Amino acid sequence: MSSADEQLYRGDKVVKRGLVGKDHSPNHETTNESEQRGRGGLLFSRSFRGSFRGLEDQYWNPRRYILAIVLCLSIFALTGSFMFAYSMSRNPLVGHETRFYVSDPSHPTLQRHPLQNSQATWERSASEGIMEPPGARSSFGVEKSLTGDAGVNSRDDVSAARGCNEKAAILKVYMYDLPPEFHYGMLVQSPFPKGQIWPRNVSEIPGYLGGLYQQHSPEYWLTSDLLTSNMADRESMCTAYRVDDRRSADVIFVPFFASLSYNKYTRPEQKLALGVDKNVELQEKLMDFLRRQPAWLSSGGHDHVIVIHHPNSMHAIRDQLRNAIFVVADFGRYDPEVANIGKDVVAPYKHVVQAFPDDATSFESRKTLLYFQGAIIRKEGGIIRQQLYELIKDEAGVHFEAGNTSSGAIRSATIGMQGSKFCLNLAGDTPSSNRLFDSIASHCVPVIISDDVEVPFEDELNYTKFCFFVKSSDALKKNFLINLLRGVSREEWTKMWRKLQEVDHHFKYQHPTKPDDAVHMTWKAIARKASKVRLLLNKQRRFKMSRLQLKDS
């Protein structure tokens, strides 16, 4: 074998073993120039093929390549699953029922964050005639992210990871920074420090007054919910979210505790002590303030929300506020041009009897057929109380007695309602009363006799599933009402009783809020009215541009 053939043979062996190509073999020596020209092509071809086969055996085994791809895809899929599960666990709309706690405002469970120092926006707006939203607005400040890292300045960035954020809320609300005398200042013994508008943190939100005062307290619950909606560590979901720019808001909220103002300042001793009707004074100051606001001027007040739940609240200026969306108890003391079901929202009273969460009663255990305890002699539409009392007071199974508003009477009513099958809800001085919501809280099937009553959220709730409505003229027919109720079967009553347990949370005010409670349901009702307001305002703007163009030409 020639030296050239021997080199070729050895090179092929090296290549077949998967080692380096022949031209890199330590046994390969360069021949003369003519041999390289004669056999170089063949040597290179065989060497390249041998090298490729060696590398293929060592690195590019197809089975190993496929296994590597499958492994990478598995890792990506597993990582994606963990990321999706984590994001869903933080989503405010998923599993939110596990993220709510006690409703006692004196023991808030939300993590506290201090409020930014408020500025005297009221004085500024009074002098300039405006109330613009930027940095002067006091709000719950955010210094750190949820993980404790510094550098997070946006409330939206932080709260988006919790239960309340602007994108999740169905209603964006701008709230005026009225001085404390219009809201929480009425609930504290010592006034807030000068320049401070809102409580500095959640724990400083004062509790509302007790007794019958609380029945007209929606103003307090809505304000507290809105005030904390952009708080960094809020975990409860929200329907309404407070925005800083009025121009991005769906509605403008006026945080005036009008019902509390009426209850607190219209008593003779208060007027005597203050030397002035503070209730009327606040109303006049509010009206003067609103007339200066660009938001009020641009919409005529149509997109403003004002809570006037007590039928006597805001009596001095309600006619001037007629364009606004009112939150009311009913429409008994309003001119239809001022307040009506078309533009306004009916919100529940806050029940004063104890709730009945562990109701294990039954048709048989509720011994009383029909229960009523309250004022019997009333004026206006409440005359039916006296008439019905005379008609059914001696019927078997009927408890129809006069009552008062003392704490002892409330305890007595709690026991009586929880032990009765049906609870009578009669028109009084106005078409509605708190008794309906006490009945619902007690799971005592309401019997409503009030021809002009408007009930909350009736566009979402079918009251006939858990209430009886009886016309006044029928109720005053002899034996009509008693025969009606005695004819209700055990099965029918039990079905309505169970439905009451399903819906009672819709009428419960609390803070922090819970899904679809009275606070959320009221905000949703406002949102439905807001869409009508947008339609109205957009129609009014139709010819604005053409008129301006004509004026400029």
Protein backbone atom coordinates (compact mmCIF):
# COMPACT_ATOMS: atom_id res chain seq x y z
CA MET A 1 0.00 0.00 0.00
CA SER A 2 1.46 3.34 -1.01
CA SER A 3 1.97 6.06 1.54
CA ALA A 4 -0.90 8.06 0.05
CA ASP A 5 -3.30 5.08 0.18
CA GLU A 6 -2.21 4.34 3.74
CA GLN A 7 -3.02 7.90 4.82
CA LEU A 8 -6.42 7.72 3.16
CA TYR A 9 -7.16 4.40 4.87
CA ARG A 10 -6.21 5.72 8.32
CA GLY A 11 -8.18 8.92 7.78
CA ASP A 12 -11.29 6.93 6.92
CA LYS A 13 -10.97 4.90 10.09
CA VAL A 14 -10.71 8.02 12.19
CA VAL A 15 -13.77 9.52 10.50
CA LYS A 16 -15.83 6.34 11.00
CA ARG A 17 -15.06 6.40 14.73
CA GLY A 18 -16.66 9.87 14.97
CA LEU A 19 -13.46 11.73 15.67
CA VAL A 20 -12.01 14.72 13.90
CA GLY A 21 -11.74 14.97 10.14
CA LYS A 22 -8.77 13.59 8.35
CA ASP A 23 -7.12 16.91 7.72
CA HIS A 24 -7.00 17.35 11.49
CA SER A 25 -5.57 13.86 12.22
CA PRO A 26 -2.20 13.85 13.95
CA ASN A 27 -1.09 11.13 11.44
CA HIS A 28 -1.87 13.32 8.46
CA GLU A 29 1.20 14.82 6.83
CA THR A 30 1.15 17.13 3.83
CA THR A 31 2.43 15.48 0.62
CA ASN A 32 3.88 17.29 -2.23
CA GLU A 33 1.88 19.84 -4.11
CA SER A 34 0.97 17.52 -7.02
CA GLU A 35 -0.58 14.91 -4.65
CA GLN A 36 -2.66 17.57 -2.98
CA ARG A 37 -4.01 18.67 -6.35
CA GLY A 38 -4.63 15.07 -7.45
CA ARG A 39 -6.28 13.62 -4.37
CA GLY A 40 -7.21 16.69 -2.28
CA GLY A 41 -10.83 16.73 -3.49
CA LEU A 42 -11.39 13.11 -2.57
CA LEU A 43 -9.72 13.46 0.82
CA PHE A 44 -11.72 16.56 1.71
CA SER A 45 -15.00 14.98 0.64
CA ARG A 46 -14.48 11.88 2.73
CA SER A 47 -13.13 13.88 5.66
CA PHE A 48 -16.15 16.25 5.66
CA ARG A 49 -18.64 13.40 5.52
CA GLY A 50 -16.85 11.60 8.31
CA SER A 51 -16.72 14.72 10.47
CA PHE A 52 -20.43 15.40 9.96
CA ARG A 53 -21.30 11.83 10.90
CA GLY A 54 -19.20 12.14 14.06
CA LEU A 55 -20.83 15.38 15.09
CA GLU A 56 -24.26 13.96 14.28
CA ASP A 57 -23.60 10.97 16.53
CA GLN A 58 -22.28 13.18 19.30
CA TYR A 59 -24.56 16.25 19.21
CA TRP A 60 -27.39 15.99 16.68
CA ASN A 61 -29.06 12.75 17.57
CA PRO A 62 -32.69 13.32 16.43
CA ARG A 63 -34.15 11.59 19.46
CA ARG A 64 -32.17 13.79 21.80
CA TYR A 65 -33.18 16.88 19.81
CA ILE A 66 -36.89 16.01 20.03
CA LEU A 67 -36.56 15.24 23.75
CA ALA A 68 -34.97 18.65 24.32
CA ILE A 69 -37.80 20.42 22.48
CA VAL A 70 -40.45 18.54 24.48
CA LEU A 71 -38.67 19.39 27.71
CA CYS A 72 -38.53 23.10 26.85
CA LEU A 73 -42.20 23.18 25.90
CA SER A 74 -43.11 21.44 29.15
CA ILE A 75 -41.19 24.01 31.16
CA PHE A 76 -42.91 26.87 29.31
CA ALA A 77 -46.35 25.30 29.82
CA LEU A 78 -45.75 24.72 33.53
CA THR A 79 -44.48 28.28 33.99
CA GLY A 80 -47.52 29.66 32.15
CA SER A 81 -49.88 27.62 34.34
CA PHE A 82 -48.32 28.98 37.52
CA MET A 83 -48.48 32.56 36.18
CA PHE A 84 -52.15 32.16 35.18
CA ALA A 85 -53.09 30.65 38.56
CA TYR A 86 -51.32 33.47 40.38
CA SER A 87 -52.99 36.17 38.31
CA MET A 88 -56.43 34.63 38.88
CA SER A 89 -55.84 34.48 42.61
CA ARG A 90 -55.14 38.22 42.57
CA ASN A 91 -58.07 39.04 40.29
CA PRO A 92 -60.71 41.06 42.18
CA LEU A 93 -63.49 39.45 40.20
CA VAL A 94 -62.50 35.86 40.96
CA GLY A 95 -62.89 34.32 44.37
CA HIS A 96 -63.65 37.69 45.91
CA GLU A 97 -65.99 36.22 48.47
CA THR A 98 -62.98 35.02 50.43
CA ARG A 99 -61.47 38.48 50.59
CA PHE A 100 -63.96 40.29 52.80
CA TYR A 101 -64.09 40.65 56.48
CA VAL A 102 -66.11 42.16 59.31
CA SER A 103 -68.50 45.02 58.68
CA ASP A 104 -67.83 46.94 61.86
CA PRO A 105 -66.24 50.27 60.80
CA SER A 106 -64.62 50.59 64.21
CA HIS A 107 -62.53 47.49 63.47
CA PRO A 108 -61.48 47.87 59.84
CA THR A 109 -59.51 45.03 58.33
CA LEU A 110 -58.04 46.95 55.45
CA GLN A 111 -54.38 47.79 55.89
CA ARG A 112 -54.08 51.44 56.84
CA HIS A 113 -52.21 53.92 54.74
CA PRO A 114 -51.87 57.54 55.86
CA LEU A 115 -53.65 60.22 53.91
CA GLN A 116 -51.67 62.84 52.09
CA ASN A 117 -51.83 66.24 53.71
CA SER A 118 -54.88 67.99 52.36
CA GLN A 119 -54.77 71.53 51.12
CA ALA A 120 -57.35 74.22 51.56
CA THR A 121 -59.12 73.49 48.28
CA TRP A 122 -62.36 74.87 49.61
CA GLU A 123 -60.82 78.29 50.25
CA ARG A 124 -59.06 78.21 46.88
CA SER A 125 -62.24 77.37 45.01
CA ALA A 126 -64.17 80.06 46.86
CA SER A 127 -61.65 82.70 45.85
CA GLU A 128 -61.14 81.53 42.27
CA GLY A 129 -64.62 80.27 41.61
CA ILE A 130 -63.39 76.81 40.60
CA MET A 131 -62.71 73.42 42.12
CA GLU A 132 -60.22 71.66 39.89
CA PRO A 133 -59.09 68.14 40.77
CA PRO A 134 -55.27 67.99 40.47
CA GLY A 135 -52.78 67.68 43.30
CA ALA A 136 -54.67 69.81 45.80
CA ARG A 137 -57.11 66.96 46.39
CA SER A 138 -56.53 65.07 49.60
CA SER A 139 -56.55 61.31 49.17
CA PHE A 140 -55.18 58.09 50.53
CA GLY A 141 -51.49 58.28 49.70
CA VAL A 142 -49.26 55.43 48.56
CA GLU A 143 -45.61 55.40 49.51
CA LYS A 144 -44.67 51.79 48.79
CA SER A 145 -45.81 48.93 46.68
CA LEU A 146 -47.64 45.93 48.07
CA THR A 147 -44.33 44.11 48.40
CA GLY A 148 -42.79 46.95 50.37
CA ASP A 149 -40.64 48.22 47.50
CA ALA A 150 -40.29 51.95 47.18
CA GLY A 151 -40.96 53.92 44.05
CA VAL A 152 -44.66 53.21 43.42
CA ASN A 153 -46.48 56.51 43.23
CA SER A 154 -49.63 55.58 41.34
CA ARG A 155 -52.63 54.46 43.37
CA ASP A 156 -53.94 52.67 40.28
CA ASP A 157 -50.77 50.57 39.93
CA VAL A 158 -51.03 49.39 43.51
CA SER A 159 -54.77 48.97 43.87
CA ALA A 160 -55.02 47.13 40.54
CA ALA A 161 -53.46 44.12 42.26
CA ARG A 162 -56.16 44.23 44.92
CA GLY A 163 -59.90 44.15 44.87
CA CYS A 164 -60.67 47.69 43.69
CA ASN A 165 -59.34 49.50 40.67
CA GLU A 166 -60.58 51.88 38.02
CA LYS A 167 -60.72 49.28 35.27
CA ALA A 168 -62.77 46.83 37.30
CA ALA A 169 -65.26 49.42 38.57
CA ILE A 170 -68.34 50.06 36.47
CA LEU A 171 -68.68 53.66 37.65
CA LYS A 172 -65.99 56.35 37.77
CA VAL A 173 -66.85 59.02 40.32
CA TYR A 174 -65.33 62.39 41.07
CA MET A 175 -66.01 63.55 44.65
CA TYR A 176 -65.86 67.17 45.75
CA ASP A 177 -63.56 68.00 48.65
CA LEU A 178 -66.15 69.68 50.81
CA PRO A 179 -65.01 70.82 54.28
CA PRO A 180 -65.57 68.38 57.16
CA GLU A 181 -68.59 70.31 58.44
CA PHE A 182 -70.52 68.85 55.52
CA HIS A 183 -69.73 65.21 56.32
CA TYR A 184 -67.55 63.48 58.94
CA GLY A 185 -67.17 66.66 60.96
CA MET A 186 -70.75 66.12 62.16
CA LEU A 187 -69.73 62.80 63.72
CA VAL A 188 -66.66 63.78 65.74
CA GLN A 189 -66.37 65.52 69.09
CA SER A 190 -63.27 67.51 68.16
CA PRO A 191 -62.98 69.22 64.77
CA PHE A 192 -60.36 68.07 62.29
CA PRO A 193 -57.07 70.02 62.30
CA LYS A 194 -57.04 73.07 60.06
CA GLY A 195 -56.60 72.14 56.43
CA GLN A 196 -57.59 68.50 56.93
CA ILE A 197 -60.63 67.48 54.89
CA TRP A 198 -60.88 63.72 55.28
CA PRO A 199 -59.95 61.19 57.98
CA ARG A 200 -56.22 60.49 57.81
CA ASN A 201 -56.70 56.74 57.57
CA VAL A 202 -59.43 54.12 57.64
CA SER A 203 -59.37 53.67 61.39
CA GLU A 204 -60.16 57.37 61.82
CA ILE A 205 -63.42 57.18 59.87
CA PRO A 206 -65.90 57.85 62.68
CA GLY A 207 -68.84 55.55 63.26
CA TYR A 208 -72.36 56.68 62.48
CA LEU A 209 -74.96 57.54 65.09
CA GLY A 210 -77.02 54.70 66.55
CA GLY A 211 -80.73 54.13 66.99
CA LEU A 212 -83.16 55.39 64.40
CA TYR A 213 -80.60 57.88 63.09
CA GLN A 214 -78.91 55.10 61.17
CA GLN A 215 -81.96 54.24 59.08
CA HIS A 216 -81.23 57.25 56.81
CA SER A 217 -77.46 56.71 56.64
CA PRO A 218 -76.80 55.75 52.97
CA GLU A 219 -74.88 59.04 52.59
CA TYR A 220 -72.32 57.78 55.12
CA TRP A 221 -71.84 54.34 53.57
CA LEU A 222 -71.53 55.62 50.01
CA THR A 223 -69.03 58.31 51.02
CA SER A 224 -66.91 55.87 53.04
CA ASP A 225 -66.87 53.36 50.21
CA LEU A 226 -65.88 55.97 47.65
CA LEU A 227 -63.26 57.54 49.92
CA THR A 228 -61.45 54.21 50.30
CA SER A 229 -61.94 52.99 46.73
CA ASN A 230 -58.48 54.16 45.61
CA MET A 231 -56.78 53.12 48.81
CA ALA A 232 -53.63 51.10 48.23
CA ASP A 233 -54.44 48.00 50.25
CA ARG A 234 -58.18 47.80 49.82
CA GLU A 235 -59.10 44.15 49.30
CA SER A 236 -62.87 44.42 48.92
CA MET A 237 -64.16 44.85 45.39
CA CYS A 238 -65.82 48.08 44.34
CA THR A 239 -68.52 49.16 41.94
CA ALA A 240 -67.59 52.85 42.08
CA TYR A 241 -64.03 54.15 41.87
CA ARG A 242 -62.90 57.63 42.84
CA VAL A 243 -61.03 59.45 40.07
CA ASP A 244 -58.92 62.60 40.37
CA ASP A 245 -60.08 64.29 37.19
CA ARG A 246 -63.72 65.30 36.97
CA ARG A 247 -63.54 65.18 33.18
CA SER A 248 -62.95 61.44 33.23
CA ALA A 249 -65.81 60.78 35.68
CA ASP A 250 -69.22 59.33 34.89
CA VAL A 251 -70.82 61.25 37.76
CA ILE A 252 -69.88 63.88 40.34
CA PHE A 253 -70.60 62.93 43.96
CA VAL A 254 -71.54 65.61 46.52
CA PRO A 255 -70.49 64.32 49.98
CA PHE A 256 -73.04 66.16 52.10
CA PHE A 257 -74.61 64.20 54.97
CA ALA A 258 -77.96 65.91 54.42
CA SER A 259 -80.04 63.48 56.48
CA LEU A 260 -77.65 63.70 59.41
CA SER A 261 -77.66 67.49 59.11
CA TYR A 262 -81.44 67.51 59.36
CA ASN A 263 -81.53 65.12 62.33
CA LYS A 264 -78.74 66.88 64.20
CA TYR A 265 -79.38 70.57 63.62
CA THR A 266 -83.16 70.95 63.43
CA ARG A 267 -83.84 70.02 67.04
CA PRO A 268 -84.92 73.05 69.07
CA GLU A 269 -82.08 72.72 71.55
CA GLN A 270 -79.54 72.73 68.72
CA LYS A 271 -81.00 75.83 67.14
CA LEU A 272 -81.00 77.53 70.52
CA ALA A 273 -77.41 76.53 71.29
CA LEU A 274 -76.06 77.58 67.88
CA GLY A 275 -78.22 80.65 67.51
CA VAL A 276 -78.78 79.77 63.87
CA ASP A 277 -80.37 77.06 61.76
CA LYS A 278 -77.15 75.25 60.92
CA ASN A 279 -78.98 72.86 58.60
CA VAL A 280 -80.21 75.67 56.35
CA GLU A 281 -76.87 77.45 56.59
CA LEU A 282 -75.02 74.40 55.25
CA GLN A 283 -77.50 74.02 52.41
CA GLU A 284 -77.02 77.63 51.34
CA LYS A 285 -73.23 77.32 51.51
CA LEU A 286 -73.41 74.17 49.43
CA MET A 287 -75.56 75.82 46.77
CA ASP A 288 -73.16 78.77 46.59
CA PHE A 289 -70.27 76.34 46.18
CA LEU A 290 -71.93 74.34 43.42
CA ARG A 291 -72.74 77.42 41.37
CA ARG A 292 -69.01 78.11 41.19
CA GLN A 293 -68.01 74.67 39.91
CA PRO A 294 -67.18 74.09 36.23
CA ALA A 295 -68.71 70.60 36.44
CA TRP A 296 -72.02 71.98 37.66
CA LEU A 297 -72.01 74.78 35.11
CA SER A 298 -71.19 72.51 32.18
CA SER A 299 -73.89 69.92 32.90
CA GLY A 300 -76.45 72.00 34.73
CA GLY A 301 -76.07 69.53 37.59
CA HIS A 302 -77.48 66.59 35.63
CA ASP A 303 -74.44 64.39 36.34
CA HIS A 304 -74.25 65.23 40.06
CA VAL A 305 -75.29 62.67 42.71
CA ILE A 306 -76.77 63.98 45.98
CA VAL A 307 -78.06 61.76 48.78
CA ILE A 308 -81.24 63.15 50.40
CA HIS A 309 -82.56 60.00 52.00
CA HIS A 310 -84.48 61.58 54.87
CA PRO A 311 -87.72 62.97 53.38
CA ASN A 312 -87.08 66.35 55.03
CA SER A 313 -83.42 66.67 54.09
CA MET A 314 -82.21 69.44 51.76
CA HIS A 315 -85.65 71.04 51.94
CA ALA A 316 -84.32 74.60 51.53
CA ILE A 317 -82.60 74.11 48.16
CA ARG A 318 -83.95 70.87 46.69
CA ASP A 319 -85.81 72.77 43.98
CA GLN A 320 -82.52 74.34 42.81
CA LEU A 321 -80.96 70.87 42.68
CA ARG A 322 -83.77 69.31 40.65
CA ASN A 323 -81.50 68.31 37.75
CA ALA A 324 -79.26 66.19 39.95
CA ILE A 325 -79.56 62.45 40.55
CA PHE A 326 -81.05 62.11 44.01
CA VAL A 327 -80.67 59.07 46.25
CA VAL A 328 -83.93 58.93 48.19
CA ALA A 329 -86.05 56.68 50.40
CA ASP A 330 -89.23 57.40 48.43
CA PHE A 331 -90.93 60.27 46.59
CA GLY A 332 -93.69 61.04 49.08
CA ARG A 333 -92.59 64.59 49.89
CA TYR A 334 -91.21 65.71 46.55
CA ASP A 335 -92.72 67.55 43.63
CA PRO A 336 -92.61 65.15 40.66
CA GLU A 337 -90.61 67.75 38.74
CA VAL A 338 -87.97 67.74 41.47
CA ALA A 339 -87.67 64.00 42.20
CA ASN A 340 -89.06 61.01 40.35
CA ILE A 341 -88.27 57.39 39.55
CA GLY A 342 -87.16 58.32 36.05
CA LYS A 343 -84.02 60.19 37.07
CA ASP A 344 -83.47 59.29 40.73
CA VAL A 345 -82.45 56.23 42.77
CA VAL A 346 -84.37 54.61 45.62
CA ALA A 347 -81.99 53.22 48.25
CA PRO A 348 -82.88 50.96 51.18
CA TYR A 349 -83.21 52.17 54.73
CA LYS A 350 -80.64 50.63 57.04
CA HIS A 351 -82.48 48.09 59.16
CA VAL A 352 -82.39 48.69 62.91
CA VAL A 353 -83.38 45.24 64.16
CA GLN A 354 -80.69 42.61 64.59
CA ALA A 355 -79.76 40.55 61.57
CA PHE A 356 -80.73 36.87 61.53
CA PRO A 357 -77.84 35.04 59.80
CA ASP A 358 -78.43 31.65 61.44
CA ASP A 359 -82.14 31.40 60.83
CA ALA A 360 -83.23 27.84 61.60
CA THR A 361 -86.91 28.67 62.03
CA SER A 362 -89.74 27.00 60.15
CA PHE A 363 -93.36 27.51 59.19
CA GLU A 364 -94.43 25.71 62.36
CA SER A 365 -91.99 27.41 64.74
CA ARG A 366 -93.08 30.90 63.72
CA LYS A 367 -96.25 30.97 65.77
CA THR A 368 -97.49 34.49 64.95
CA LEU A 369 -99.36 34.80 61.67
CA LEU A 370 -99.05 38.58 61.15
CA TYR A 371 -96.88 41.06 63.08
CA PHE A 372 -96.94 44.85 63.35
CA GLN A 373 -95.48 47.07 66.03
CA GLY A 374 -95.21 50.81 65.54
CA ALA A 375 -97.08 54.07 65.43
CA ILE A 376 -100.72 53.41 64.62
CA ILE A 377 -101.98 56.96 64.27
CA ARG A 378 -100.22 58.68 61.37
CA LYS A 379 -101.05 61.56 59.10
CA GLU A 380 -101.41 61.70 55.31
CA GLY A 381 -101.28 58.24 53.68
CA GLY A 382 -100.78 56.56 57.05
CA ILE A 383 -104.46 56.82 57.91
CA ILE A 384 -104.80 53.23 56.75
CA ARG A 385 -102.93 52.09 59.87
CA GLN A 386 -105.76 53.13 62.15
CA GLN A 387 -108.39 51.65 59.82
CA LEU A 388 -106.64 48.30 59.49
CA TYR A 389 -105.96 48.15 63.21
CA GLU A 390 -109.66 48.36 63.95
CA LEU A 391 -110.35 45.68 61.35
CA ILE A 392 -107.90 42.90 62.35
CA LYS A 393 -106.62 43.62 65.89
CA ASP A 394 -108.68 40.83 67.45
CA GLU A 395 -107.96 38.16 64.84
CA ALA A 396 -106.22 35.01 66.07
CA GLY A 397 -102.48 34.98 65.33
CA VAL A 398 -102.31 38.74 64.75
CA HIS A 399 -99.94 40.96 66.75
CA PHE A 400 -100.92 44.57 66.01
CA GLU A 401 -99.71 46.95 68.73
CA ALA A 402 -98.44 50.47 69.14
CA GLY A 403 -94.71 50.81 69.63
CA ASN A 404 -91.97 53.40 70.04
CA THR A 405 -88.37 53.86 69.00
CA SER A 406 -86.66 53.02 72.28
CA SER A 407 -83.92 50.38 72.44
CA GLY A 408 -86.29 48.12 74.35
CA ALA A 409 -88.90 48.44 71.61
CA ILE A 410 -86.30 47.57 68.96
CA ARG A 411 -85.32 44.43 70.87
CA SER A 412 -88.99 43.51 71.20
CA ALA A 413 -89.53 44.03 67.46
CA THR A 414 -86.51 41.85 66.68
CA ILE A 415 -87.95 38.95 68.67
CA GLY A 416 -91.45 39.49 67.33
CA MET A 417 -90.46 39.61 63.65
CA GLN A 418 -88.19 36.60 63.91
CA GLY A 419 -91.10 34.62 65.38
CA SER A 420 -93.72 35.64 62.79
CA LYS A 421 -94.63 34.27 59.37
CA PHE A 422 -95.70 37.62 57.90
CA CYS A 423 -94.84 41.22 58.80
CA LEU A 424 -97.12 44.10 57.97
CA ASN A 425 -95.59 47.09 56.14
CA LEU A 426 -98.04 49.98 55.98
CA ALA A 427 -97.78 53.46 54.54
CA GLY A 428 -97.05 56.06 57.20
CA ASP A 429 -96.26 59.76 56.86
CA THR A 430 -94.56 58.73 53.59
CA PRO A 431 -95.17 55.71 51.34
CA SER A 432 -92.16 53.80 52.72
CA SER A 433 -90.77 52.94 56.13
CA ASN A 434 -87.83 51.15 57.63
CA ARG A 435 -90.13 48.32 58.67
CA LEU A 436 -89.85 46.69 55.23
CA PHE A 437 -86.10 46.25 55.64
CA ASP A 438 -86.45 45.10 59.24
CA SER A 439 -88.83 42.43 57.91
CA ILE A 440 -86.37 41.34 55.23
CA ALA A 441 -83.53 41.15 57.78
CA SER A 442 -85.79 39.02 60.00
CA HIS A 443 -86.87 36.75 57.10
CA CYS A 444 -90.46 37.59 57.95
CA VAL A 445 -92.38 37.66 54.65
CA PRO A 446 -93.35 41.32 54.09
CA VAL A 447 -96.96 42.23 53.38
CA ILE A 448 -96.78 45.67 51.73
CA ILE A 449 -99.88 47.85 51.82
CA SER A 450 -98.81 51.17 50.31
CA ASP A 451 -100.12 52.02 46.87
CA ASP A 452 -97.51 54.68 46.03
CA VAL A 453 -94.44 52.94 47.40
CA GLU A 454 -91.26 52.59 45.33
CA VAL A 455 -88.90 49.85 46.45
CA PRO A 456 -85.13 49.73 45.87
CA PHE A 457 -83.57 47.94 42.91
CA GLU A 458 -86.88 46.71 41.51
CA ASP A 459 -85.34 46.73 38.03
CA GLU A 460 -83.04 43.93 39.29
CA LEU A 461 -85.13 42.20 41.95
CA ASN A 462 -88.54 40.58 41.60
CA TYR A 463 -90.13 41.43 44.92
CA THR A 464 -93.11 39.16 44.30
CA LYS A 465 -90.78 36.22 44.97
CA PHE A 466 -90.47 37.23 48.63
CA CYS A 467 -93.20 39.83 49.32
CA PHE A 468 -96.97 40.21 49.09
CA PHE A 469 -98.31 43.48 47.68
CA VAL A 470 -101.90 44.27 48.65
CA LYS A 471 -103.88 47.28 47.43
CA SER A 472 -105.19 49.48 50.22
CA SER A 473 -108.76 49.15 49.01
CA ASP A 474 -108.54 45.36 49.15
CA ALA A 475 -106.84 45.30 52.54
CA LEU A 476 -109.74 47.24 54.05
CA LYS A 477 -112.28 44.68 52.90
CA LYS A 478 -113.48 42.50 55.77
CA ASN A 479 -111.51 39.24 56.08
CA PHE A 480 -109.63 39.86 52.81
CA LEU A 481 -106.14 40.14 54.33
CA ILE A 482 -106.58 37.41 56.96
CA ASN A 483 -108.01 34.93 54.48
CA LEU A 484 -105.20 35.70 52.05
CA LEU A 485 -102.47 34.93 54.57
CA ARG A 486 -104.16 31.91 56.10
CA GLY A 487 -104.47 30.48 52.62
CA VAL A 488 -100.70 30.46 52.05
CA SER A 489 -99.45 26.88 52.19
CA ARG A 490 -96.42 25.71 54.11
CA GLU A 491 -94.58 25.04 50.83
CA GLU A 492 -95.34 28.47 49.39
CA TRP A 493 -94.31 30.29 52.55
CA THR A 494 -91.10 28.25 52.87
CA LYS A 495 -90.17 29.14 49.29
CA MET A 496 -90.57 32.85 50.04
CA TRP A 497 -88.71 32.49 53.35
CA ARG A 498 -85.76 30.89 51.57
CA LYS A 499 -85.80 33.62 48.96
CA LEU A 500 -85.57 36.23 51.72
CA GLN A 501 -82.39 34.57 52.94
CA GLU A 502 -81.00 34.73 49.42
CA VAL A 503 -81.67 38.43 48.93
CA ASP A 504 -81.22 39.95 52.39
CA HIS A 505 -77.57 40.86 51.70
CA HIS A 506 -78.74 43.28 48.97
CA PHE A 507 -80.18 45.47 51.72
CA LYS A 508 -77.22 45.42 54.10
CA TYR A 509 -74.97 48.47 54.53
CA GLN A 510 -71.43 47.80 55.73
CA HIS A 511 -67.82 48.86 55.43
CA PRO A 512 -65.75 47.22 54.07
CA THR A 513 -68.41 46.33 51.54
CA LYS A 514 -69.26 42.88 50.25
CA PRO A 515 -70.40 41.87 46.77
CA ASP A 516 -73.88 43.10 45.87
CA ASP A 517 -74.64 44.52 49.28
CA ALA A 518 -76.67 47.72 49.63
CA VAL A 519 -73.68 49.92 48.82
CA HIS A 520 -72.87 48.09 45.59
CA MET A 521 -76.50 47.82 44.58
CA THR A 522 -76.98 51.57 45.06
CA TRP A 523 -73.89 52.40 43.00
CA LYS A 524 -75.15 50.09 40.26
CA ALA A 525 -78.50 51.85 40.28
CA ILE A 526 -76.68 55.18 39.97
CA ALA A 527 -74.67 53.80 37.06
CA ARG A 528 -77.90 52.93 35.24
CA LYS A 529 -79.12 56.49 35.70
CA ALA A 530 -75.74 57.86 34.58
CA SER A 531 -76.13 56.27 31.16
CA LYS A 532 -79.37 58.22 30.69
CA VAL A 533 -77.60 61.40 31.76
CA ARG A 534 -74.88 60.84 29.16
CA LEU A 535 -77.54 60.45 26.50
CA LEU A 536 -79.22 63.68 27.59
CA LEU A 537 -75.99 65.68 27.70
CA ASN A 538 -74.77 64.35 24.35
CA LYS A 539 -78.05 65.35 22.73
CA GLN A 540 -77.73 68.83 24.20
CA ARG A 541 -74.25 69.12 22.65
CA ARG A 542 -75.44 68.28 19.11
CA PHE A 543 -75.60 71.84 17.81
CA LYS A 544 -72.98 73.40 20.03
CA MET A 545 -70.14 73.27 17.48
CA SER A 546 -72.23 74.63 14.63
CA ARG A 547 -73.42 77.52 16.78
CA LEU A 548 -69.87 78.35 17.81
CA GLN A 549 -68.74 78.16 14.20
CA LEU A 550 -71.51 80.52 13.13
CA LYS A 551 -70.67 82.91 15.95
CA ASP A 552 -67.00 83.05 14.95
CA SER A 553 -67.73 83.61 11.25
